[in-house]
Amino acid sequence: MDIKSAFLNGLIEEEVYVRQPPGFESARFPGRVYKLRKALYGLKQAPRAWYARLKSFLLNSGFVMGSAFVCATRLLLGLLTVKRYLKFTPELGLWYSSGSSLSLRGFSDADHAGCRIDRKSTSGTCQLLGTSLVSWSSCKQASVALSTTEAEYVAAASCCSQLLWMKATLSDFGLRFGRIPLLVDTTSAISVAKNPVLHSRTKHIDVRFHFLRDHYEKGDIDLVHVEGVDNALIKGEIESQWTGLIALLV
């Protein structure tokens, strides 16, 4: 069914020739090849050609493409992880109140050299729509940070990218946002984003993280300092502290 509906309808721009398939050889011209008019199953161009054909059809039919069009992949391991979590925490859940506002904000935090094996830092971010937690992450950074400032700056950049994606997605539903507050508990990381002057302690930071500064200057986000004591997304907490933090998030 997938082959019939998808891979036989994509038009290809390149010239592609194939050998005569078994059972369909020409008795008169056995050495000739076929020139493809459409994308054939097995071609590298087939998925792209099908997507282009489908996209063109939908747009011509009056559909509007969203500003954030993400292809999500579902993995069995991820499903098993969710199932295990639900099995052992049936009493926990996210609560989305109908009376909550639709203001968007984000929080970011990071430790420094928290992993004892490779000394990489861990970024923790969460995004709230009103008082409702809608997105969060806790992951190890790709490179070793030379300072707490760098680790916090990288975490803030990660949170910023998620906030911009959410802003683009929500704009499809008619929601508009001004400067989105991004709350960081380290003033030095905020200073790096607000001050474009190159400093000897920060000049080595990968340029891809400086898009945080770019979007601050454009007015997309507003970097706000907030006191941070608990680190739910980057450090292990004792049970009593963890229970209290969960109550604040959900």
C-alpha atoms as a PDB file:
ATOM      1  CA  MET A   1       0.000   0.000   0.000  1.00  0.00           C
ATOM      2  CA  ASP A   2       2.826   2.388   0.837  1.00  0.00           C
ATOM      3  CA  ILE A   3       4.577   1.650  -2.454  1.00  0.00           C
ATOM      4  CA  LYS A   4       1.397   2.216  -4.448  1.00  0.00           C
ATOM      5  CA  SER A   5       0.447   5.492  -2.780  1.00  0.00           C
ATOM      6  CA  ALA A   6       3.872   7.019  -2.264  1.00  0.00           C
ATOM      7  CA  PHE A   7       6.816   5.782  -4.250  1.00  0.00           C
ATOM      8  CA  LEU A   8       5.085   5.497  -7.632  1.00  0.00           C
ATOM      9  CA  ASN A   9       3.822   9.082  -7.682  1.00  0.00           C
ATOM     10  CA  GLY A  10       6.967  11.123  -7.188  1.00  0.00           C
ATOM     11  CA  LEU A  11       8.355  12.833 -10.285  1.00  0.00           C
ATOM     12  CA  ILE A  12      12.133  12.895 -10.692  1.00  0.00           C
ATOM     13  CA  GLU A  13      14.195  15.633 -12.280  1.00  0.00           C
ATOM     14  CA  GLU A  14      17.318  13.568 -12.935  1.00  0.00           C
ATOM     15  CA  GLU A  15      17.794  11.119 -15.772  1.00  0.00           C
ATOM     16  CA  VAL A  16      17.762   7.634 -14.266  1.00  0.00           C
ATOM     17  CA  TYR A  17      18.023   4.399 -16.230  1.00  0.00           C
ATOM     18  CA  VAL A  18      17.408   0.863 -14.974  1.00  0.00           C
ATOM     19  CA  ARG A  19      17.913  -2.588 -16.346  1.00  0.00           C
ATOM     20  CA  GLN A  20      14.930  -4.515 -17.612  1.00  0.00           C
ATOM     21  CA  PRO A  21      13.298  -6.243 -14.623  1.00  0.00           C
ATOM     22  CA  PRO A  22      13.069 -10.059 -14.599  1.00  0.00           C
ATOM     23  CA  GLY A  23       9.958 -11.249 -16.406  1.00  0.00           C
ATOM     24  CA  PHE A  24       9.624  -8.034 -18.410  1.00  0.00           C
ATOM     25  CA  GLU A  25      12.608  -8.366 -20.741  1.00  0.00           C
ATOM     26  CA  SER A  26      12.090  -7.354 -24.342  1.00  0.00           C
ATOM     27  CA  ALA A  27      12.726 -10.249 -26.716  1.00  0.00           C
ATOM     28  CA  ARG A  28      13.525  -7.788 -29.489  1.00  0.00           C
ATOM     29  CA  PHE A  29      15.818  -5.491 -27.500  1.00  0.00           C
ATOM     30  CA  PRO A  30      17.204  -7.537 -24.590  1.00  0.00           C
ATOM     31  CA  GLY A  31      20.178  -5.226 -24.071  1.00  0.00           C
ATOM     32  CA  ARG A  32      18.272  -1.980 -23.744  1.00  0.00           C
ATOM     33  CA  VAL A  33      17.516  -0.144 -20.490  1.00  0.00           C
ATOM     34  CA  TYR A  34      14.442   1.732 -19.289  1.00  0.00           C
ATOM     35  CA  LYS A  35      14.344   5.469 -18.578  1.00  0.00           C
ATOM     36  CA  LEU A  36      12.326   6.193 -15.465  1.00  0.00           C
ATOM     37  CA  ARG A  37       9.531   8.743 -15.656  1.00  0.00           C
ATOM     38  CA  LYS A  38       8.699   8.552 -11.950  1.00  0.00           C
ATOM     39  CA  ALA A  39      10.597   7.758  -8.785  1.00  0.00           C
ATOM     40  CA  LEU A  40      10.913   4.020  -8.397  1.00  0.00           C
ATOM     41  CA  TYR A  41      10.964   2.242  -5.057  1.00  0.00           C
ATOM     42  CA  GLY A  42      14.584   1.844  -3.993  1.00  0.00           C
ATOM     43  CA  LEU A  43      15.891   5.099  -5.440  1.00  0.00           C
ATOM     44  CA  LYS A  44      17.534   7.526  -3.056  1.00  0.00           C
ATOM     45  CA  GLN A  45      15.430  10.280  -4.592  1.00  0.00           C
ATOM     46  CA  ALA A  46      12.135   8.435  -4.035  1.00  0.00           C
ATOM     47  CA  PRO A  47      11.207   9.770  -0.550  1.00  0.00           C
ATOM     48  CA  ARG A  48      12.181  13.339  -1.470  1.00  0.00           C
ATOM     49  CA  ALA A  49      10.297  13.176  -4.789  1.00  0.00           C
ATOM     50  CA  TRP A  50       7.188  11.830  -3.062  1.00  0.00           C
ATOM     51  CA  TYR A  51       7.326  14.546  -0.416  1.00  0.00           C
ATOM     52  CA  ALA A  52       7.700  17.287  -3.052  1.00  0.00           C
ATOM     53  CA  ARG A  53       4.723  15.915  -5.020  1.00  0.00           C
ATOM     54  CA  LEU A  54       2.542  15.612  -1.915  1.00  0.00           C
ATOM     55  CA  LYS A  55       3.528  19.069  -0.663  1.00  0.00           C
ATOM     56  CA  SER A  56       2.685  20.634  -4.025  1.00  0.00           C
ATOM     57  CA  PHE A  57      -0.705  18.896  -4.108  1.00  0.00           C
ATOM     58  CA  LEU A  58      -1.661  19.967  -0.584  1.00  0.00           C
ATOM     59  CA  LEU A  59      -0.607  23.589  -1.118  1.00  0.00           C
ATOM     60  CA  ASN A  60      -2.525  23.775  -4.388  1.00  0.00           C
ATOM     61  CA  SER A  61      -5.566  22.356  -2.586  1.00  0.00           C
ATOM     62  CA  GLY A  62      -5.629  25.254  -0.139  1.00  0.00           C
ATOM     63  CA  PHE A  63      -3.706  23.790   2.770  1.00  0.00           C
ATOM     64  CA  VAL A  64      -1.246  26.018   4.644  1.00  0.00           C
ATOM     65  CA  MET A  65       2.118  24.698   5.754  1.00  0.00           C
ATOM     66  CA  GLY A  66       2.958  25.361   9.389  1.00  0.00           C
ATOM     67  CA  SER A  67       6.055  27.364  10.278  1.00  0.00           C
ATOM     68  CA  ALA A  68       7.379  24.462  12.330  1.00  0.00           C
ATOM     69  CA  PHE A  69       7.032  21.225  10.391  1.00  0.00           C
ATOM     70  CA  VAL A  70       8.801  18.502  12.318  1.00  0.00           C
ATOM     71  CA  CYS A  71       8.957  14.834  11.434  1.00  0.00           C
ATOM     72  CA  ALA A  72       8.767  12.831  14.648  1.00  0.00           C
ATOM     73  CA  THR A  73      10.307   9.380  14.913  1.00  0.00           C
ATOM     74  CA  ARG A  74       8.906   6.846  17.358  1.00  0.00           C
ATOM     75  CA  LEU A  75      11.298   4.339  18.822  1.00  0.00           C
ATOM     76  CA  LEU A  76      10.359   1.148  20.614  1.00  0.00           C
ATOM     77  CA  LEU A  77      12.895   1.773  23.367  1.00  0.00           C
ATOM     78  CA  GLY A  78      11.313   5.139  24.073  1.00  0.00           C
ATOM     79  CA  LEU A  79       7.865   3.571  24.309  1.00  0.00           C
ATOM     80  CA  LEU A  80       9.125   0.965  26.740  1.00  0.00           C
ATOM     81  CA  THR A  81      10.704   3.694  28.862  1.00  0.00           C
ATOM     82  CA  VAL A  82       7.418   5.600  29.008  1.00  0.00           C
ATOM     83  CA  LYS A  83       5.536   2.412  29.857  1.00  0.00           C
ATOM     84  CA  ARG A  84       7.948   1.657  32.693  1.00  0.00           C
ATOM     85  CA  TYR A  85       7.590   5.197  34.019  1.00  0.00           C
ATOM     86  CA  LEU A  86       3.787   5.062  33.949  1.00  0.00           C
ATOM     87  CA  LYS A  87       3.759   1.686  35.662  1.00  0.00           C
ATOM     88  CA  PHE A  88       5.729   2.848  38.695  1.00  0.00           C
ATOM     89  CA  THR A  89       4.362   6.406  38.958  1.00  0.00           C
ATOM     90  CA  PRO A  90       0.606   6.104  38.357  1.00  0.00           C
ATOM     91  CA  GLU A  91      -0.173   8.864  40.842  1.00  0.00           C
ATOM     92  CA  LEU A  92       1.919  11.503  39.043  1.00  0.00           C
ATOM     93  CA  GLY A  93       0.769  13.501  36.044  1.00  0.00           C
ATOM     94  CA  LEU A  94       0.745  16.901  34.395  1.00  0.00           C
ATOM     95  CA  TRP A  95      -2.162  19.219  35.133  1.00  0.00           C
ATOM     96  CA  TYR A  96      -3.241  21.736  32.504  1.00  0.00           C
ATOM     97  CA  SER A  97      -5.717  24.241  33.890  1.00  0.00           C
ATOM     98  CA  SER A  98      -8.246  25.826  31.534  1.00  0.00           C
ATOM     99  CA  GLY A  99      -7.830  29.078  33.419  1.00  0.00           C
ATOM    100  CA  SER A 100      -4.077  29.268  32.893  1.00  0.00           C
ATOM    101  CA  SER A 101      -2.711  32.151  30.854  1.00  0.00           C
ATOM    102  CA  LEU A 102      -0.952  31.618  27.531  1.00  0.00           C
ATOM    103  CA  SER A 103       2.233  33.471  28.401  1.00  0.00           C
ATOM    104  CA  LEU A 104       5.398  31.635  27.383  1.00  0.00           C
ATOM    105  CA  ARG A 105       8.577  31.485  29.458  1.00  0.00           C
ATOM    106  CA  GLY A 106      11.585  29.257  29.909  1.00  0.00           C
ATOM    107  CA  PHE A 107      14.070  28.285  32.597  1.00  0.00           C
ATOM    108  CA  SER A 108      17.610  27.015  32.089  1.00  0.00           C
ATOM    109  CA  ASP A 109      20.303  25.738  34.419  1.00  0.00           C
ATOM    110  CA  ALA A 110      23.529  23.764  34.230  1.00  0.00           C
ATOM    111  CA  ASP A 111      26.105  22.198  36.471  1.00  0.00           C
ATOM    112  CA  HIS A 112      29.830  22.337  35.742  1.00  0.00           C
ATOM    113  CA  ALA A 113      31.819  19.192  34.960  1.00  0.00           C
ATOM    114  CA  GLY A 114      29.188  17.098  36.676  1.00  0.00           C
ATOM    115  CA  CYS A 115      30.053  13.855  34.902  1.00  0.00           C
ATOM    116  CA  ARG A 116      32.952  12.206  36.709  1.00  0.00           C
ATOM    117  CA  ILE A 117      33.947  10.181  33.655  1.00  0.00           C
ATOM    118  CA  ASP A 118      34.332  12.766  30.880  1.00  0.00           C
ATOM    119  CA  ARG A 119      33.769  15.934  32.984  1.00  0.00           C
ATOM    120  CA  LYS A 120      31.026  17.217  30.708  1.00  0.00           C
ATOM    121  CA  SER A 121      28.286  19.420  32.098  1.00  0.00           C
ATOM    122  CA  THR A 122      24.553  18.743  32.156  1.00  0.00           C
ATOM    123  CA  SER A 123      21.969  21.179  30.804  1.00  0.00           C
ATOM    124  CA  GLY A 124      18.502  21.359  32.311  1.00  0.00           C
ATOM    125  CA  THR A 125      15.708  23.361  30.699  1.00  0.00           C
ATOM    126  CA  CYS A 126      11.940  23.615  31.009  1.00  0.00           C
ATOM    127  CA  GLN A 127       9.328  25.663  29.196  1.00  0.00           C
ATOM    128  CA  LEU A 128       5.970  26.731  30.610  1.00  0.00           C
ATOM    129  CA  LEU A 129       2.825  28.002  28.932  1.00  0.00           C
ATOM    130  CA  GLY A 130       1.206  30.005  31.677  1.00  0.00           C
ATOM    131  CA  THR A 131       1.562  27.810  34.760  1.00  0.00           C
ATOM    132  CA  SER A 132       1.614  24.560  32.775  1.00  0.00           C
ATOM    133  CA  LEU A 133       4.801  22.649  32.070  1.00  0.00           C
ATOM    134  CA  VAL A 134       4.767  21.723  28.375  1.00  0.00           C
ATOM    135  CA  SER A 135       8.386  20.889  27.550  1.00  0.00           C
ATOM    136  CA  TRP A 136      11.549  19.959  29.415  1.00  0.00           C
ATOM    137  CA  SER A 137      14.941  18.352  28.924  1.00  0.00           C
ATOM    138  CA  SER A 138      17.927  17.187  30.914  1.00  0.00           C
ATOM    139  CA  CYS A 139      20.927  16.121  28.853  1.00  0.00           C
ATOM    140  CA  LYS A 140      24.693  16.106  28.901  1.00  0.00           C
ATOM    141  CA  GLN A 141      26.397  18.765  26.825  1.00  0.00           C
ATOM    142  CA  ALA A 142      28.361  17.744  23.736  1.00  0.00           C
ATOM    143  CA  SER A 143      31.657  19.325  24.806  1.00  0.00           C
ATOM    144  CA  VAL A 144      33.513  20.046  28.028  1.00  0.00           C
ATOM    145  CA  ALA A 145      32.804  23.516  29.418  1.00  0.00           C
ATOM    146  CA  LEU A 146      35.786  25.444  30.773  1.00  0.00           C
ATOM    147  CA  SER A 147      33.701  27.400  33.272  1.00  0.00           C
ATOM    148  CA  THR A 148      30.312  27.591  34.921  1.00  0.00           C
ATOM    149  CA  THR A 149      29.550  30.604  32.750  1.00  0.00           C
ATOM    150  CA  GLU A 150      30.112  28.616  29.570  1.00  0.00           C
ATOM    151  CA  ALA A 151      27.984  25.703  30.815  1.00  0.00           C
ATOM    152  CA  GLU A 152      25.125  28.044  31.741  1.00  0.00           C
ATOM    153  CA  TYR A 153      25.440  29.889  28.420  1.00  0.00           C
ATOM    154  CA  VAL A 154      25.174  26.648  26.438  1.00  0.00           C
ATOM    155  CA  ALA A 155      22.126  25.595  28.482  1.00  0.00           C
ATOM    156  CA  ALA A 156      20.454  28.965  27.887  1.00  0.00           C
ATOM    157  CA  ALA A 157      21.073  28.630  24.138  1.00  0.00           C
ATOM    158  CA  SER A 158      19.382  25.226  24.183  1.00  0.00           C
ATOM    159  CA  CYS A 159      16.384  26.635  26.051  1.00  0.00           C
ATOM    160  CA  CYS A 160      16.213  29.553  23.616  1.00  0.00           C
ATOM    161  CA  SER A 161      16.010  27.245  20.599  1.00  0.00           C
ATOM    162  CA  GLN A 162      13.110  25.345  22.177  1.00  0.00           C
ATOM    163  CA  LEU A 163      11.277  28.564  23.022  1.00  0.00           C
ATOM    164  CA  LEU A 164      11.626  29.812  19.444  1.00  0.00           C
ATOM    165  CA  TRP A 165      10.271  26.516  18.104  1.00  0.00           C
ATOM    166  CA  MET A 166       7.295  26.729  20.465  1.00  0.00           C
ATOM    167  CA  LYS A 167       6.718  30.350  19.472  1.00  0.00           C
ATOM    168  CA  ALA A 168       6.644  29.386  15.789  1.00  0.00           C
ATOM    169  CA  THR A 169       4.293  26.475  16.473  1.00  0.00           C
ATOM    170  CA  LEU A 170       1.889  28.528  18.590  1.00  0.00           C
ATOM    171  CA  SER A 171       1.833  31.284  15.974  1.00  0.00           C
ATOM    172  CA  ASP A 172      -0.019  28.836  13.702  1.00  0.00           C
ATOM    173  CA  PHE A 173      -2.855  28.994  16.250  1.00  0.00           C
ATOM    174  CA  GLY A 174      -2.981  32.784  16.202  1.00  0.00           C
ATOM    175  CA  LEU A 175      -0.934  33.391  19.359  1.00  0.00           C
ATOM    176  CA  ARG A 176       1.550  36.261  19.301  1.00  0.00           C
ATOM    177  CA  PHE A 177       4.389  36.874  21.732  1.00  0.00           C
ATOM    178  CA  GLY A 178       6.699  39.771  22.468  1.00  0.00           C
ATOM    179  CA  ARG A 179       9.957  39.217  24.299  1.00  0.00           C
ATOM    180  CA  ILE A 180       9.818  35.752  25.825  1.00  0.00           C
ATOM    181  CA  PRO A 181      11.364  35.653  29.322  1.00  0.00           C
ATOM    182  CA  LEU A 182      14.250  33.205  29.649  1.00  0.00           C
ATOM    183  CA  LEU A 183      15.197  32.902  33.298  1.00  0.00           C
ATOM    184  CA  VAL A 184      18.819  32.070  34.131  1.00  0.00           C
ATOM    185  CA  ASP A 185      20.370  31.836  37.585  1.00  0.00           C
ATOM    186  CA  THR A 186      23.859  33.026  36.570  1.00  0.00           C
ATOM    187  CA  THR A 187      24.452  36.718  35.904  1.00  0.00           C
ATOM    188  CA  SER A 188      27.740  36.046  34.114  1.00  0.00           C
ATOM    189  CA  ALA A 189      26.014  33.979  31.404  1.00  0.00           C
ATOM    190  CA  ILE A 190      23.478  36.781  30.917  1.00  0.00           C
ATOM    191  CA  SER A 191      26.322  39.289  30.617  1.00  0.00           C
ATOM    192  CA  VAL A 192      27.960  37.230  27.861  1.00  0.00           C
ATOM    193  CA  ALA A 193      24.721  37.288  25.870  1.00  0.00           C
ATOM    194  CA  LYS A 194      24.106  41.003  26.402  1.00  0.00           C
ATOM    195  CA  ASN A 195      27.686  42.154  25.824  1.00  0.00           C
ATOM    196  CA  PRO A 196      29.021  41.454  22.303  1.00  0.00           C
ATOM    197  CA  VAL A 197      32.586  42.369  23.281  1.00  0.00           C
ATOM    198  CA  LEU A 198      34.959  39.427  22.854  1.00  0.00           C
ATOM    199  CA  HIS A 199      36.451  38.340  26.161  1.00  0.00           C
ATOM    200  CA  SER A 200      39.466  36.128  26.694  1.00  0.00           C
ATOM    201  CA  ARG A 201      37.424  33.753  28.835  1.00  0.00           C
ATOM    202  CA  THR A 202      34.575  33.345  26.358  1.00  0.00           C
ATOM    203  CA  LYS A 203      36.164  33.729  22.913  1.00  0.00           C
ATOM    204  CA  HIS A 204      36.487  29.946  22.536  1.00  0.00           C
ATOM    205  CA  ILE A 205      32.730  29.285  22.851  1.00  0.00           C
ATOM    206  CA  ASP A 206      31.337  27.694  19.697  1.00  0.00           C
ATOM    207  CA  VAL A 207      29.722  30.270  17.434  1.00  0.00           C
ATOM    208  CA  ARG A 208      26.504  28.234  17.177  1.00  0.00           C
ATOM    209  CA  PHE A 209      25.686  29.052  20.792  1.00  0.00           C
ATOM    210  CA  HIS A 210      25.902  32.796  20.115  1.00  0.00           C
ATOM    211  CA  PHE A 211      22.537  32.717  18.380  1.00  0.00           C
ATOM    212  CA  LEU A 212      21.264  33.301  21.944  1.00  0.00           C
ATOM    213  CA  ARG A 213      22.830  36.766  21.785  1.00  0.00           C
ATOM    214  CA  ASP A 214      21.416  37.293  18.299  1.00  0.00           C
ATOM    215  CA  HIS A 215      17.835  36.585  19.334  1.00  0.00           C
ATOM    216  CA  TYR A 216      18.233  38.726  22.443  1.00  0.00           C
ATOM    217  CA  GLU A 217      19.301  41.657  20.264  1.00  0.00           C
ATOM    218  CA  LYS A 218      16.402  40.990  17.868  1.00  0.00           C
ATOM    219  CA  GLY A 219      13.948  41.212  20.747  1.00  0.00           C
ATOM    220  CA  ASP A 220      12.752  37.614  20.576  1.00  0.00           C
ATOM    221  CA  ILE A 221      13.774  36.755  24.139  1.00  0.00           C
ATOM    222  CA  ASP A 222      14.510  38.600  27.355  1.00  0.00           C
ATOM    223  CA  LEU A 223      17.226  37.226  29.628  1.00  0.00           C
ATOM    224  CA  VAL A 224      16.183  37.544  33.257  1.00  0.00           C
ATOM    225  CA  HIS A 225      18.177  36.629  36.346  1.00  0.00           C
ATOM    226  CA  VAL A 226      16.483  34.427  38.913  1.00  0.00           C
ATOM    227  CA  GLU A 227      17.883  32.960  42.108  1.00  0.00           C
ATOM    228  CA  GLY A 228      18.432  29.231  41.736  1.00  0.00           C
ATOM    229  CA  VAL A 229      18.892  26.948  44.723  1.00  0.00           C
ATOM    230  CA  ASP A 230      17.398  23.628  43.667  1.00  0.00           C
ATOM    231  CA  ASN A 231      18.606  21.846  40.552  1.00  0.00           C
ATOM    232  CA  ALA A 232      15.955  19.276  39.720  1.00  0.00           C
ATOM    233  CA  LEU A 233      17.028  18.747  36.116  1.00  0.00           C
ATOM    234  CA  ILE A 234      20.792  18.586  36.548  1.00  0.00           C
ATOM    235  CA  LYS A 235      21.493  16.924  39.903  1.00  0.00           C
ATOM    236  CA  GLY A 236      20.164  14.079  41.957  1.00  0.00           C
ATOM    237  CA  GLU A 237      18.065  15.214  44.889  1.00  0.00           C
ATOM    238  CA  ILE A 238      17.030  13.448  48.067  1.00  0.00           C
ATOM    239  CA  GLU A 239      13.456  12.163  47.998  1.00  0.00           C
ATOM    240  CA  SER A 240      11.893  14.912  50.126  1.00  0.00           C
ATOM    241  CA  GLN A 241      13.423  17.673  47.988  1.00  0.00           C
ATOM    242  CA  TRP A 242      12.516  15.854  44.774  1.00  0.00           C
ATOM    243  CA  THR A 243       8.872  15.501  45.829  1.00  0.00           C
ATOM    244  CA  GLY A 244       8.656  19.215  46.551  1.00  0.00           C
ATOM    245  CA  LEU A 245      10.186  20.137  43.194  1.00  0.00           C
ATOM    246  CA  ILE A 246       7.781  17.857  41.325  1.00  0.00           C
ATOM    247  CA  ALA A 247       4.853  19.597  42.998  1.00  0.00           C
ATOM    248  CA  LEU A 248       6.124  22.943  41.696  1.00  0.00           C
ATOM    249  CA  LEU A 249       6.517  21.669  38.134  1.00  0.00           C
ATOM    250  CA  VAL A 250       3.341  19.654  37.619  1.00  0.00           C
END
